[in-house]
Amino acid sequence: MQTMAVEIQDDYVQNFMSYVNNHSENITIKKDQNLELDPYFYEREKELHQIRDDIKNGQIEMVSHETVWGNIKNHLKTIENR
């Protein structure tokens, strides 16, 4: 069995569903909640996995929470002193 994502033009949904109903012994349709909540879910997931892999193999450095907020505070002090 294979799983596929299918995009269907709005005006063709009824025709597509008729086809599926006529071949229901071979086709199962279920909605993907991830895509309903976020149409770019799988693209974002892939990007986050790549970022994690890049951190693990040393291609990019992960900066600590404390460092980031320290940099922000220093920047704000610089702005306030102008």
PDB file of N, CA and C in Angstrom:
ATOM      1  N   MET A   1       0.841  -1.177   0.000  1.00  0.00           N
ATOM      2  CA  MET A   1       0.000   0.000   0.000  1.00  0.00           C
ATOM      3  C   MET A   1       0.883   1.237   0.000  1.00  0.00           C
ATOM      4  N   GLN A   2       0.428   2.283  -0.669  1.00  0.00           N
ATOM      5  CA  GLN A   2       1.145   3.552  -0.723  1.00  0.00           C
ATOM      6  C   GLN A   2       0.237   4.655  -0.206  1.00  0.00           C
ATOM      7  N   THR A   3       0.850   5.654   0.411  1.00  0.00           N
ATOM      8  CA  THR A   3       0.122   6.828   0.876  1.00  0.00           C
ATOM      9  C   THR A   3       0.568   8.005   0.036  1.00  0.00           C
ATOM     10  N   MET A   4      -0.405   8.796  -0.426  1.00  0.00           N
ATOM     11  CA  MET A   4      -0.109   9.959  -1.261  1.00  0.00           C
ATOM     12  C   MET A   4      -0.954  11.143  -0.807  1.00  0.00           C
ATOM     13  N   ALA A   5      -0.430  12.324  -1.040  1.00  0.00           N
ATOM     14  CA  ALA A   5      -1.212  13.541  -0.848  1.00  0.00           C
ATOM     15  C   ALA A   5      -1.741  13.952  -2.211  1.00  0.00           C
ATOM     16  N   VAL A   6      -3.008  14.311  -2.257  1.00  0.00           N
ATOM     17  CA  VAL A   6      -3.629  14.681  -3.522  1.00  0.00           C
ATOM     18  C   VAL A   6      -4.260  16.058  -3.360  1.00  0.00           C
ATOM     19  N   GLU A   7      -3.934  16.948  -4.274  1.00  0.00           N
ATOM     20  CA  GLU A   7      -4.595  18.255  -4.306  1.00  0.00           C
ATOM     21  C   GLU A   7      -5.647  18.211  -5.394  1.00  0.00           C
ATOM     22  N   ILE A   8      -6.854  18.662  -5.056  1.00  0.00           N
ATOM     23  CA  ILE A   8      -7.978  18.600  -5.989  1.00  0.00           C
ATOM     24  C   ILE A   8      -8.563  19.994  -6.136  1.00  0.00           C
ATOM     25  N   GLN A   9      -8.754  20.414  -7.372  1.00  0.00           N
ATOM     26  CA  GLN A   9      -9.388  21.704  -7.626  1.00  0.00           C
ATOM     27  C   GLN A   9     -10.783  21.700  -7.016  1.00  0.00           C
ATOM     28  N   ASP A  10     -11.166  22.826  -6.422  1.00  0.00           N
ATOM     29  CA  ASP A  10     -12.458  22.913  -5.743  1.00  0.00           C
ATOM     30  C   ASP A  10     -13.618  22.453  -6.624  1.00  0.00           C
ATOM     31  N   ASP A  11     -13.589  22.847  -7.875  1.00  0.00           N
ATOM     32  CA  ASP A  11     -14.713  22.509  -8.747  1.00  0.00           C
ATOM     33  C   ASP A  11     -14.685  21.058  -9.236  1.00  0.00           C
ATOM     34  N   TYR A  12     -13.656  20.287  -8.857  1.00  0.00           N
ATOM     35  CA  TYR A  12     -13.554  18.894  -9.285  1.00  0.00           C
ATOM     36  C   TYR A  12     -13.741  17.909  -8.126  1.00  0.00           C
ATOM     37  N   VAL A  13     -13.896  18.416  -6.901  1.00  0.00           N
ATOM     38  CA  VAL A  13     -13.982  17.557  -5.723  1.00  0.00           C
ATOM     39  C   VAL A  13     -15.113  16.539  -5.858  1.00  0.00           C
ATOM     40  N   GLN A  14     -16.265  16.972  -6.288  1.00  0.00           N
ATOM     41  CA  GLN A  14     -17.402  16.055  -6.397  1.00  0.00           C
ATOM     42  C   GLN A  14     -17.108  14.925  -7.387  1.00  0.00           C
ATOM     43  N   ASN A  15     -16.505  15.247  -8.520  1.00  0.00           N
ATOM     44  CA  ASN A  15     -16.144  14.210  -9.496  1.00  0.00           C
ATOM     45  C   ASN A  15     -15.111  13.246  -8.905  1.00  0.00           C
ATOM     46  N   PHE A  16     -14.148  13.791  -8.211  1.00  0.00           N
ATOM     47  CA  PHE A  16     -13.122  12.951  -7.604  1.00  0.00           C
ATOM     48  C   PHE A  16     -13.739  12.019  -6.563  1.00  0.00           C
ATOM     49  N   MET A  17     -14.615  12.551  -5.727  1.00  0.00           N
ATOM     50  CA  MET A  17     -15.252  11.729  -4.701  1.00  0.00           C
ATOM     51  C   MET A  17     -16.117  10.643  -5.325  1.00  0.00           C
ATOM     52  N   SER A  18     -16.758  10.932  -6.435  1.00  0.00           N
ATOM     53  CA  SER A  18     -17.537   9.907  -7.136  1.00  0.00           C
ATOM     54  C   SER A  18     -16.620   8.783  -7.616  1.00  0.00           C
ATOM     55  N   TYR A  19     -15.478   9.150  -8.164  1.00  0.00           N
ATOM     56  CA  TYR A  19     -14.507   8.150  -8.601  1.00  0.00           C
ATOM     57  C   TYR A  19     -14.061   7.288  -7.428  1.00  0.00           C
ATOM     58  N   VAL A  20     -13.729   7.942  -6.311  1.00  0.00           N
ATOM     59  CA  VAL A  20     -13.269   7.215  -5.127  1.00  0.00           C
ATOM     60  C   VAL A  20     -14.366   6.268  -4.631  1.00  0.00           C
ATOM     61  N   ASN A  21     -15.595   6.754  -4.588  1.00  0.00           N
ATOM     62  CA  ASN A  21     -16.698   5.909  -4.127  1.00  0.00           C
ATOM     63  C   ASN A  21     -16.893   4.697  -5.033  1.00  0.00           C
ATOM     64  N   ASN A  22     -16.669   4.851  -6.320  1.00  0.00           N
ATOM     65  CA  ASN A  22     -16.812   3.735  -7.261  1.00  0.00           C
ATOM     66  C   ASN A  22     -15.666   2.740  -7.154  1.00  0.00           C
ATOM     67  N   HIS A  23     -14.561   3.159  -6.529  1.00  0.00           N
ATOM     68  CA  HIS A  23     -13.387   2.291  -6.386  1.00  0.00           C
ATOM     69  C   HIS A  23     -12.997   2.137  -4.914  1.00  0.00           C
ATOM     70  N   SER A  24     -13.959   2.197  -4.045  1.00  0.00           N
ATOM     71  CA  SER A  24     -13.686   2.249  -2.610  1.00  0.00           C
ATOM     72  C   SER A  24     -12.995   1.007  -2.061  1.00  0.00           C
ATOM     73  N   GLU A  25     -13.061  -0.100  -2.771  1.00  0.00           N
ATOM     74  CA  GLU A  25     -12.373  -1.302  -2.288  1.00  0.00           C
ATOM     75  C   GLU A  25     -10.857  -1.160  -2.383  1.00  0.00           C
ATOM     76  N   ASN A  26     -10.378  -0.214  -3.183  1.00  0.00           N
ATOM     77  CA  ASN A  26      -8.940  -0.019  -3.373  1.00  0.00           C
ATOM     78  C   ASN A  26      -8.415   1.304  -2.832  1.00  0.00           C
ATOM     79  N   ILE A  27      -9.312   2.190  -2.403  1.00  0.00           N
ATOM     80  CA  ILE A  27      -8.898   3.541  -1.997  1.00  0.00           C
ATOM     81  C   ILE A  27      -9.513   3.865  -0.637  1.00  0.00           C
ATOM     82  N   THR A  28      -8.681   4.386   0.252  1.00  0.00           N
ATOM     83  CA  THR A  28      -9.157   4.880   1.546  1.00  0.00           C
ATOM     84  C   THR A  28      -8.785   6.351   1.637  1.00  0.00           C
ATOM     85  N   ILE A  29      -9.742   7.164   2.051  1.00  0.00           N
ATOM     86  CA  ILE A  29      -9.470   8.603   2.182  1.00  0.00           C
ATOM     87  C   ILE A  29      -9.638   8.985   3.641  1.00  0.00           C
ATOM     88  N   LYS A  30      -8.632   9.695   4.148  1.00  0.00           N
ATOM     89  CA  LYS A  30      -8.756  10.281   5.476  1.00  0.00           C
ATOM     90  C   LYS A  30      -8.063  11.634   5.457  1.00  0.00           C
ATOM     91  N   LYS A  31      -8.607  12.549   6.208  1.00  0.00           N
ATOM     92  CA  LYS A  31      -8.038  13.893   6.246  1.00  0.00           C
ATOM     93  C   LYS A  31      -6.815  13.896   7.149  1.00  0.00           C
ATOM     94  N   ASP A  32      -5.821  14.668   6.759  1.00  0.00           N
ATOM     95  CA  ASP A  32      -4.599  14.815   7.525  1.00  0.00           C
ATOM     96  C   ASP A  32      -4.755  16.043   8.419  1.00  0.00           C
ATOM     97  N   GLN A  33      -4.922  15.807   9.716  1.00  0.00           N
ATOM     98  CA  GLN A  33      -5.160  16.914  10.642  1.00  0.00           C
ATOM     99  C   GLN A  33      -4.000  17.908  10.645  1.00  0.00           C
ATOM    100  N   ASN A  34      -2.772  17.415  10.457  1.00  0.00           N
ATOM    101  CA  ASN A  34      -1.622  18.318  10.418  1.00  0.00           C
ATOM    102  C   ASN A  34      -1.796  19.352   9.304  1.00  0.00           C
ATOM    103  N   LEU A  35      -2.248  18.898   8.128  1.00  0.00           N
ATOM    104  CA  LEU A  35      -2.417  19.818   7.000  1.00  0.00           C
ATOM    105  C   LEU A  35      -3.635  20.715   7.174  1.00  0.00           C
ATOM    106  N   GLU A  36      -4.639  20.235   7.886  1.00  0.00           N
ATOM    107  CA  GLU A  36      -5.794  21.093   8.154  1.00  0.00           C
ATOM    108  C   GLU A  36      -5.414  22.245   9.069  1.00  0.00           C
ATOM    109  N   LEU A  37      -4.545  21.973  10.040  1.00  0.00           N
ATOM    110  CA  LEU A  37      -4.118  23.012  10.979  1.00  0.00           C
ATOM    111  C   LEU A  37      -3.057  23.929  10.377  1.00  0.00           C
ATOM    112  N   ASP A  38      -2.197  23.360   9.537  1.00  0.00           N
ATOM    113  CA  ASP A  38      -1.095  24.120   8.950  1.00  0.00           C
ATOM    114  C   ASP A  38      -0.784  23.545   7.571  1.00  0.00           C
ATOM    115  N   PRO A  39      -1.176  24.241   6.499  1.00  0.00           N
ATOM    116  CA  PRO A  39      -0.958  23.706   5.153  1.00  0.00           C
ATOM    117  C   PRO A  39       0.517  23.465   4.817  1.00  0.00           C
ATOM    118  N   TYR A  40       1.431  24.058   5.579  1.00  0.00           N
ATOM    119  CA  TYR A  40       2.863  23.903   5.326  1.00  0.00           C
ATOM    120  C   TYR A  40       3.537  23.021   6.375  1.00  0.00           C
ATOM    121  N   PHE A  41       2.740  22.222   7.093  1.00  0.00           N
ATOM    122  CA  PHE A  41       3.254  21.421   8.200  1.00  0.00           C
ATOM    123  C   PHE A  41       4.471  20.588   7.802  1.00  0.00           C
ATOM    124  N   TYR A  42       4.363  19.844   6.718  1.00  0.00           N
ATOM    125  CA  TYR A  42       5.440  18.924   6.356  1.00  0.00           C
ATOM    126  C   TYR A  42       6.679  19.653   5.840  1.00  0.00           C
ATOM    127  N   GLU A  43       6.509  20.802   5.196  1.00  0.00           N
ATOM    128  CA  GLU A  43       7.661  21.597   4.790  1.00  0.00           C
ATOM    129  C   GLU A  43       8.390  22.137   6.013  1.00  0.00           C
ATOM    130  N   ARG A  44       7.620  22.617   7.008  1.00  0.00           N
ATOM    131  CA  ARG A  44       8.235  23.138   8.235  1.00  0.00           C
ATOM    132  C   ARG A  44       8.924  22.014   9.008  1.00  0.00           C
ATOM    133  N   GLU A  45       8.265  20.860   9.054  1.00  0.00           N
ATOM    134  CA  GLU A  45       8.850  19.725   9.753  1.00  0.00           C
ATOM    135  C   GLU A  45      10.189  19.341   9.129  1.00  0.00           C
ATOM    136  N   LYS A  46      10.240  19.279   7.814  1.00  0.00           N
ATOM    137  CA  LYS A  46      11.474  18.931   7.104  1.00  0.00           C
ATOM    138  C   LYS A  46      12.574  19.959   7.406  1.00  0.00           C
ATOM    139  N   GLU A  47      12.206  21.239   7.393  1.00  0.00           N
ATOM    140  CA  GLU A  47      13.180  22.299   7.668  1.00  0.00           C
ATOM    141  C   GLU A  47      13.715  22.191   9.101  1.00  0.00           C
ATOM    142  N   LEU A  48      12.838  21.934  10.059  1.00  0.00           N
ATOM    143  CA  LEU A  48      13.281  21.807  11.448  1.00  0.00           C
ATOM    144  C   LEU A  48      14.187  20.595  11.642  1.00  0.00           C
ATOM    145  N   HIS A  49      13.871  19.501  10.961  1.00  0.00           N
ATOM    146  CA  HIS A  49      14.743  18.327  11.042  1.00  0.00           C
ATOM    147  C   HIS A  49      16.115  18.637  10.450  1.00  0.00           C
ATOM    148  N   GLN A  50      16.145  19.408   9.365  1.00  0.00           N
ATOM    149  CA  GLN A  50      17.419  19.777   8.753  1.00  0.00           C
ATOM    150  C   GLN A  50      18.231  20.671   9.686  1.00  0.00           C
ATOM    151  N   ILE A  51      17.566  21.618  10.338  1.00  0.00           N
ATOM    152  CA  ILE A  51      18.248  22.498  11.300  1.00  0.00           C
ATOM    153  C   ILE A  51      18.831  21.662  12.436  1.00  0.00           C
ATOM    154  N   ARG A  52      18.028  20.729  12.953  1.00  0.00           N
ATOM    155  CA  ARG A  52      18.505  19.860  14.035  1.00  0.00           C
ATOM    156  C   ARG A  52      19.715  19.038  13.585  1.00  0.00           C
ATOM    157  N   ASP A  53      19.648  18.486  12.388  1.00  0.00           N
ATOM    158  CA  ASP A  53      20.784  17.715  11.860  1.00  0.00           C
ATOM    159  C   ASP A  53      22.021  18.593  11.699  1.00  0.00           C
ATOM    160  N   ASP A  54      21.831  19.833  11.216  1.00  0.00           N
ATOM    161  CA  ASP A  54      22.953  20.761  11.051  1.00  0.00           C
ATOM    162  C   ASP A  54      23.597  21.101  12.389  1.00  0.00           C
ATOM    163  N   ILE A  55      22.782  21.221  13.434  1.00  0.00           N
ATOM    164  CA  ILE A  55      23.316  21.484  14.777  1.00  0.00           C
ATOM    165  C   ILE A  55      24.106  20.270  15.258  1.00  0.00           C
ATOM    166  N   LYS A  56      23.520  19.079  15.075  1.00  0.00           N
ATOM    167  CA  LYS A  56      24.179  17.854  15.538  1.00  0.00           C
ATOM    168  C   LYS A  56      25.525  17.617  14.853  1.00  0.00           C
ATOM    169  N   ASN A  57      25.601  17.908  13.547  1.00  0.00           N
ATOM    170  CA  ASN A  57      26.861  17.630  12.838  1.00  0.00           C
ATOM    171  C   ASN A  57      27.799  18.837  12.813  1.00  0.00           C
ATOM    172  N   GLY A  58      27.451  19.909  13.520  1.00  0.00           N
ATOM    173  CA  GLY A  58      28.349  21.038  13.686  1.00  0.00           C
ATOM    174  C   GLY A  58      28.358  22.060  12.560  1.00  0.00           C
ATOM    175  N   GLN A  59      27.441  21.937  11.610  1.00  0.00           N
ATOM    176  CA  GLN A  59      27.410  22.922  10.511  1.00  0.00           C
ATOM    177  C   GLN A  59      26.888  24.278  10.982  1.00  0.00           C
ATOM    178  N   ILE A  60      26.009  24.265  11.969  1.00  0.00           N
ATOM    179  CA  ILE A  60      25.567  25.521  12.579  1.00  0.00           C
ATOM    180  C   ILE A  60      25.630  25.373  14.094  1.00  0.00           C
ATOM    181  N   GLU A  61      25.752  26.496  14.783  1.00  0.00           N
ATOM    182  CA  GLU A  61      25.880  26.466  16.235  1.00  0.00           C
ATOM    183  C   GLU A  61      24.573  26.909  16.870  1.00  0.00           C
ATOM    184  N   MET A  62      24.158  26.182  17.888  1.00  0.00           N
ATOM    185  CA  MET A  62      22.969  26.575  18.628  1.00  0.00           C
ATOM    186  C   MET A  62      23.416  27.469  19.776  1.00  0.00           C
ATOM    187  N   VAL A  63      22.797  28.628  19.870  1.00  0.00           N
ATOM    188  CA  VAL A  63      23.167  29.606  20.887  1.00  0.00           C
ATOM    189  C   VAL A  63      22.226  29.437  22.074  1.00  0.00           C
ATOM    190  N   SER A  64      22.769  29.534  23.275  1.00  0.00           N
ATOM    191  CA  SER A  64      21.957  29.327  24.476  1.00  0.00           C
ATOM    192  C   SER A  64      20.944  30.461  24.662  1.00  0.00           C
ATOM    193  N   HIS A  65      19.900  30.146  25.382  1.00  0.00           N
ATOM    194  CA  HIS A  65      18.849  31.108  25.707  1.00  0.00           C
ATOM    195  C   HIS A  65      19.439  32.319  26.427  1.00  0.00           C
ATOM    196  N   GLU A  66      20.329  32.045  27.356  1.00  0.00           N
ATOM    197  CA  GLU A  66      20.954  33.125  28.125  1.00  0.00           C
ATOM    198  C   GLU A  66      21.771  34.056  27.228  1.00  0.00           C
ATOM    199  N   THR A  67      22.484  33.486  26.273  1.00  0.00           N
ATOM    200  CA  THR A  67      23.291  34.288  25.358  1.00  0.00           C
ATOM    201  C   THR A  67      22.414  35.189  24.499  1.00  0.00           C
ATOM    202  N   VAL A  68      21.334  34.628  23.977  1.00  0.00           N
ATOM    203  CA  VAL A  68      20.430  35.414  23.130  1.00  0.00           C
ATOM    204  C   VAL A  68      19.862  36.584  23.922  1.00  0.00           C
ATOM    205  N   TRP A  69      19.322  36.318  25.120  1.00  0.00           N
ATOM    206  CA  TRP A  69      18.739  37.398  25.911  1.00  0.00           C
ATOM    207  C   TRP A  69      19.795  38.385  26.390  1.00  0.00           C
ATOM    208  N   GLY A  70      21.001  37.905  26.654  1.00  0.00           N
ATOM    209  CA  GLY A  70      22.089  38.818  27.010  1.00  0.00           C
ATOM    210  C   GLY A  70      22.400  39.764  25.864  1.00  0.00           C
ATOM    211  N   ASN A  71      22.432  39.232  24.634  1.00  0.00           N
ATOM    212  CA  ASN A  71      22.677  40.071  23.462  1.00  0.00           C
ATOM    213  C   ASN A  71      21.557  41.087  23.259  1.00  0.00           C
ATOM    214  N   ILE A  72      20.330  40.667  23.481  1.00  0.00           N
ATOM    215  CA  ILE A  72      19.189  41.583  23.337  1.00  0.00           C
ATOM    216  C   ILE A  72      19.288  42.702  24.367  1.00  0.00           C
ATOM    217  N   LYS A  73      19.587  42.332  25.617  1.00  0.00           N
ATOM    218  CA  LYS A  73      19.700  43.346  26.681  1.00  0.00           C
ATOM    219  C   LYS A  73      20.826  44.329  26.385  1.00  0.00           C
ATOM    220  N   ASN A  74      21.962  43.827  25.912  1.00  0.00           N
ATOM    221  CA  ASN A  74      23.082  44.713  25.560  1.00  0.00           C
ATOM    222  C   ASN A  74      22.697  45.649  24.419  1.00  0.00           C
ATOM    223  N   HIS A  75      21.988  45.120  23.449  1.00  0.00           N
ATOM    224  CA  HIS A  75      21.553  45.940  22.317  1.00  0.00           C
ATOM    225  C   HIS A  75      20.593  47.040  22.794  1.00  0.00           C
ATOM    226  N   LEU A  76      19.658  46.678  23.658  1.00  0.00           N
ATOM    227  CA  LEU A  76      18.713  47.671  24.178  1.00  0.00           C
ATOM    228  C   LEU A  76      19.436  48.753  24.974  1.00  0.00           C
ATOM    229  N   LYS A  77      20.456  48.381  25.749  1.00  0.00           N
ATOM    230  CA  LYS A  77      21.232  49.368  26.494  1.00  0.00           C
ATOM    231  C   LYS A  77      21.931  50.319  25.520  1.00  0.00           C
ATOM    232  N   THR A  78      22.450  49.776  24.431  1.00  0.00           N
ATOM    233  CA  THR A  78      23.131  50.601  23.422  1.00  0.00           C
ATOM    234  C   THR A  78      22.149  51.610  22.828  1.00  0.00           C
ATOM    235  N   ILE A  79      20.951  51.169  22.535  1.00  0.00           N
ATOM    236  CA  ILE A  79      19.945  52.046  21.961  1.00  0.00           C
ATOM    237  C   ILE A  79      19.530  53.132  22.955  1.00  0.00           C
ATOM    238  N   GLU A  80      19.356  52.738  24.224  1.00  0.00           N
ATOM    239  CA  GLU A  80      18.938  53.692  25.251  1.00  0.00           C
ATOM    240  C   GLU A  80      20.004  54.750  25.525  1.00  0.00           C
ATOM    241  N   ASN A  81      21.259  54.424  25.307  1.00  0.00           N
ATOM    242  CA  ASN A  81      22.359  55.360  25.585  1.00  0.00           C
ATOM    243  C   ASN A  81      22.643  56.312  24.427  1.00  0.00           C
ATOM    244  N   ARG A  82      21.899  56.262  23.383  1.00  0.00           N
ATOM    245  CA  ARG A  82      22.147  57.150  22.245  1.00  0.00           C
ATOM    246  C   ARG A  82      21.648  58.525  22.516  1.00  0.00           C
TER     247      ARG A  82
END
